[in-house]
Protein backbone atom coordinates (compact mmCIF):
# COMPACT_ATOMS: atom_id res chain seq x y z
CA MET A 1 -47.13 -30.36 21.27
CA LEU A 2 -47.62 -29.15 17.71
CA ALA A 3 -51.14 -28.03 16.86
CA ILE A 4 -51.03 -29.53 13.36
CA HIS A 5 -53.61 -31.80 11.75
CA ASP A 6 -53.84 -33.63 8.40
CA LEU A 7 -50.10 -33.41 7.79
CA PRO A 8 -50.10 -35.96 4.89
CA LEU A 9 -52.79 -33.90 3.14
CA PHE A 10 -50.72 -30.76 3.72
CA VAL A 11 -47.63 -32.38 2.18
CA LEU A 12 -49.59 -33.60 -0.85
CA SER A 13 -51.25 -30.20 -1.32
CA GLY A 14 -47.89 -28.46 -1.01
CA VAL A 15 -46.30 -30.68 -3.64
CA LEU A 16 -49.15 -30.05 -6.07
CA LEU A 17 -48.97 -26.29 -5.46
CA ASN A 18 -45.20 -26.26 -5.96
CA ILE A 19 -45.56 -28.02 -9.29
CA CYS A 20 -47.77 -25.21 -10.61
CA PRO A 21 -45.55 -22.90 -12.71
CA GLY A 22 -44.88 -19.35 -11.58
CA PRO A 23 -42.07 -16.77 -11.50
CA ASP A 24 -39.98 -18.92 -9.12
CA THR A 25 -40.01 -22.07 -11.24
CA LEU A 26 -39.56 -20.02 -14.40
CA TYR A 27 -36.48 -18.37 -12.93
CA VAL A 28 -34.93 -21.71 -11.93
CA VAL A 29 -35.59 -23.21 -15.36
CA SER A 30 -34.19 -20.19 -17.21
CA ARG A 31 -31.03 -20.06 -15.11
CA GLY A 32 -30.48 -23.80 -15.21
CA GLY A 33 -31.03 -23.93 -18.95
CA ALA A 34 -28.77 -20.96 -19.66
CA GLN A 35 -25.93 -21.50 -17.17
CA GLY A 36 -26.16 -25.13 -16.14
CA TRP A 37 -26.81 -27.03 -12.94
CA PRO A 38 -24.81 -24.82 -10.50
CA ALA A 39 -26.74 -21.67 -11.44
CA GLY A 40 -30.07 -23.50 -11.41
CA ALA A 41 -29.36 -24.94 -7.97
CA VAL A 42 -28.26 -21.55 -6.61
CA ALA A 43 -31.42 -19.97 -8.04
CA ALA A 44 -33.47 -22.61 -6.19
CA LEU A 45 -31.66 -21.85 -2.94
CA GLY A 46 -32.25 -18.12 -3.40
CA ILE A 47 -35.97 -18.76 -3.82
CA ALA A 48 -35.96 -21.03 -0.76
CA SER A 49 -34.34 -18.23 1.25
CA GLY A 50 -37.11 -15.88 0.15
CA CYS A 51 -39.68 -18.41 1.34
CA VAL A 52 -37.99 -18.48 4.75
CA VAL A 53 -38.62 -14.73 5.05
CA HIS A 54 -42.31 -15.22 4.23
CA ILE A 55 -42.62 -18.13 6.67
CA LEU A 56 -41.09 -16.10 9.50
CA ALA A 57 -43.34 -13.16 8.62
CA ALA A 58 -46.42 -15.38 8.77
CA ALA A 59 -45.35 -16.91 12.09
CA LEU A 60 -44.68 -13.48 13.63
CA GLY A 61 -47.90 -11.95 12.30
CA LEU A 62 -46.20 -9.57 9.85
CA SER A 63 -48.04 -11.07 6.91
CA ALA A 64 -51.31 -10.21 8.63
CA VAL A 65 -50.19 -6.58 8.68
CA LEU A 66 -49.44 -6.79 4.96
CA ALA A 67 -52.91 -8.26 4.33
CA ALA A 68 -54.62 -5.57 6.41
CA SER A 69 -52.68 -2.54 5.17
CA ALA A 70 -53.40 -1.38 1.64
CA THR A 71 -50.36 0.90 1.77
CA ALA A 72 -47.96 -1.86 2.83
CA PHE A 73 -49.37 -4.27 0.27
CA SER A 74 -49.12 -1.71 -2.53
CA ALA A 75 -45.53 -0.82 -1.63
CA VAL A 76 -44.36 -4.43 -1.74
CA LYS A 77 -46.49 -5.15 -4.80
CA TRP A 78 -45.02 -2.33 -6.86
CA ALA A 79 -41.48 -3.17 -5.78
CA GLY A 80 -42.02 -6.80 -6.76
CA ALA A 81 -43.65 -5.92 -10.07
CA ALA A 82 -40.83 -3.53 -10.95
CA TYR A 83 -38.24 -6.17 -10.12
CA LEU A 84 -39.95 -8.85 -12.23
CA VAL A 85 -40.08 -6.41 -15.15
CA TYR A 86 -36.40 -5.60 -14.61
CA VAL A 87 -35.41 -9.28 -14.70
CA GLY A 88 -37.63 -9.86 -17.74
CA LEU A 89 -36.05 -7.01 -19.65
CA GLY A 90 -32.62 -8.38 -18.82
CA MET A 91 -33.58 -11.75 -20.31
CA LEU A 92 -35.04 -10.10 -23.40
CA ARG A 93 -31.74 -8.29 -23.95
CA ALA A 94 -29.73 -11.53 -23.64
CA ARG A 95 -27.10 -12.08 -26.29
CA GLY A 96 -25.26 -15.13 -27.55
CA SER A 97 -22.46 -15.59 -30.01
CA GLY A 98 -21.02 -18.29 -32.20
CA ALA A 99 -21.29 -21.96 -31.26
CA ASP A 100 -22.12 -20.99 -27.69
CA SER A 101 -25.07 -18.80 -28.61
CA GLY A 102 -27.46 -21.09 -26.74
CA ARG A 103 -25.63 -20.30 -23.50
CA VAL A 104 -27.02 -16.92 -22.52
CA LEU A 105 -27.08 -15.10 -19.18
CA ALA A 106 -23.69 -16.74 -18.57
CA THR A 107 -22.16 -13.49 -17.39
CA ALA A 108 -24.26 -13.52 -14.18
CA SER A 109 -22.28 -14.57 -11.12
CA LEU A 110 -23.70 -17.17 -8.76
CA ARG A 111 -24.08 -14.42 -6.18
CA THR A 112 -26.24 -12.44 -8.62
CA VAL A 113 -28.25 -15.54 -9.48
CA TYR A 114 -28.91 -16.20 -5.77
CA LEU A 115 -29.87 -12.59 -5.06
CA GLN A 116 -32.24 -12.43 -8.03
CA GLY A 117 -33.93 -15.66 -6.95
CA PHE A 118 -34.28 -14.33 -3.41
CA LEU A 119 -35.76 -10.99 -4.52
CA THR A 120 -38.07 -12.60 -7.07
CA ASN A 121 -39.70 -14.48 -4.22
CA VAL A 122 -39.45 -12.12 -1.26
CA LEU A 123 -40.82 -9.09 -3.16
CA ASN A 124 -43.98 -10.93 -4.17
CA PRO A 125 -46.70 -10.05 -1.61
CA LYS A 126 -48.92 -12.79 -3.02
CA VAL A 127 -46.51 -15.34 -1.57
CA ALA A 128 -46.87 -13.78 1.88
CA LEU A 129 -50.65 -13.84 1.63
CA PHE A 130 -50.52 -17.43 0.39
CA PHE A 131 -48.71 -18.59 3.53
CA LEU A 132 -51.09 -16.58 5.68
CA ALA A 133 -54.13 -18.20 4.04
CA PHE A 134 -52.87 -21.75 3.40
CA LEU A 135 -50.98 -22.74 6.55
CA PRO A 136 -53.73 -21.95 9.13
CA GLN A 137 -56.00 -24.52 7.47
CA PHE A 138 -53.77 -27.24 8.96
CA ILE A 139 -53.37 -25.69 12.43
CA VAL A 140 -55.80 -26.37 15.28
CA PRO A 141 -57.54 -22.98 15.82
CA GLU A 142 -57.86 -23.16 19.62
CA ALA A 143 -54.40 -24.57 20.30
CA PRO A 144 -51.55 -22.45 21.74
CA GLY A 145 -48.14 -22.18 20.11
CA LYS A 146 -49.42 -21.43 16.64
CA ALA A 147 -46.17 -19.67 15.71
CA LEU A 148 -44.23 -22.93 16.08
CA SER A 149 -46.84 -24.71 13.95
CA PHE A 150 -46.44 -22.03 11.27
CA LEU A 151 -42.68 -22.57 11.29
CA VAL A 152 -42.92 -26.36 11.05
CA LEU A 153 -45.49 -26.34 8.25
CA GLY A 154 -43.57 -23.64 6.44
CA ALA A 155 -40.35 -25.66 6.69
CA VAL A 156 -42.10 -28.74 5.28
CA PHE A 157 -43.58 -26.74 2.40
CA ASN A 158 -40.27 -25.03 1.67
CA THR A 159 -38.38 -28.33 1.71
CA THR A 160 -40.67 -29.99 -0.83
CA GLY A 161 -40.63 -26.85 -2.95
CA THR A 162 -36.84 -26.67 -2.91
CA LEU A 163 -36.51 -30.33 -3.89
CA TRP A 164 -38.85 -29.69 -6.81
CA CYS A 165 -36.85 -26.63 -7.89
CA LEU A 166 -33.59 -28.59 -7.68
CA LEU A 167 -35.11 -31.25 -9.93
CA LEU A 168 -36.15 -28.51 -12.36
CA ALA A 169 -32.62 -27.09 -12.23
CA TRP A 170 -31.12 -30.46 -13.12
CA THR A 171 -33.51 -31.23 -15.95
CA SER A 172 -33.31 -27.73 -17.42
CA ALA A 173 -29.50 -27.84 -17.25
CA ARG A 174 -29.48 -31.06 -19.28
CA ALA A 175 -31.93 -29.60 -21.76
CA GLY A 176 -29.92 -26.38 -21.94
CA ALA A 177 -26.77 -28.31 -22.80
CA ALA A 178 -28.61 -29.96 -25.68
CA PHE A 179 -30.04 -26.63 -26.89
CA ALA A 180 -26.60 -25.04 -26.76
CA ARG A 181 -25.54 -27.43 -29.51
CA ARG A 182 -28.43 -26.25 -31.66
CA GLY A 183 -27.43 -22.65 -32.27
CA ARG A 184 -29.73 -19.83 -31.26
CA LEU A 185 -32.62 -21.92 -29.92
CA GLY A 186 -31.46 -21.48 -26.33
CA LEU A 187 -31.24 -17.73 -26.84
CA TRP A 188 -34.82 -17.51 -27.99
CA LEU A 189 -35.97 -19.71 -25.12
CA THR A 190 -34.37 -17.28 -22.68
CA ARG A 191 -36.03 -14.34 -24.39
CA SER A 192 -39.35 -16.16 -24.17
CA ALA A 193 -38.78 -16.56 -20.44
CA GLY A 194 -38.09 -12.82 -20.28
CA ALA A 195 -41.42 -12.10 -21.95
CA LEU A 196 -43.15 -14.31 -19.37
CA PHE A 197 -41.41 -12.45 -16.55
CA LEU A 198 -42.76 -9.20 -17.98
CA ALA A 199 -46.22 -10.74 -18.01
CA PHE A 200 -45.83 -11.87 -14.38
CA GLY A 201 -44.71 -8.37 -13.42
CA LEU A 202 -47.68 -6.73 -15.11
CA ARG A 203 -50.07 -9.24 -13.53
CA LEU A 204 -48.61 -8.53 -10.09
CA ALA A 205 -48.93 -4.78 -10.68
CA LEU A 206 -52.64 -5.26 -11.37
CA ALA A 207 -53.21 -7.63 -8.43
CA ASP A 208 -55.19 -6.74 -5.31
CA ARG A 209 -55.20 -8.32 -1.89
CA GLY A 210 -58.07 -10.69 -2.71
């Protein structure tokens, strides 16, 4: 039997947390707005795949190692910060031309979009620590089989988060199509997203385990 309590509260809390903007949602919106619904949806699936890694790590106790080891945390943190800065710089260097100047980042393949979404999530140690801190609040402390409870709660959280990201992909794709008809506005929106990614990367670089 699953050692889970207050599941409705967990679902509601998860939805509210997923709505809060961060690098993941920003990436989905930027890809959906620049390349349309397919790229936005693939970006969402890449992020969901990264969450699966964090959920498995939390269930197996690997996230606890990351929380306890300053060296491990710093290694993942710097890798994640460097990657966010890399993606941000790529967005800042985006180019458009002619009537299609609002459609930027269009040269990225869906495979690249998926991989970038995956790495944006999986290289963020704060996500691992979030699962380690948030999920146990809804698991009975003295019950056996906590790993299975971690997996179930993680799957629920990831499902609601993915549905939210898919909605963002759809809405941003529609908005992106409208911006593409308005000249360079879409290009500057993408560059603004790049600047935010740089900010996220710098914030992650300065983060500690607290």
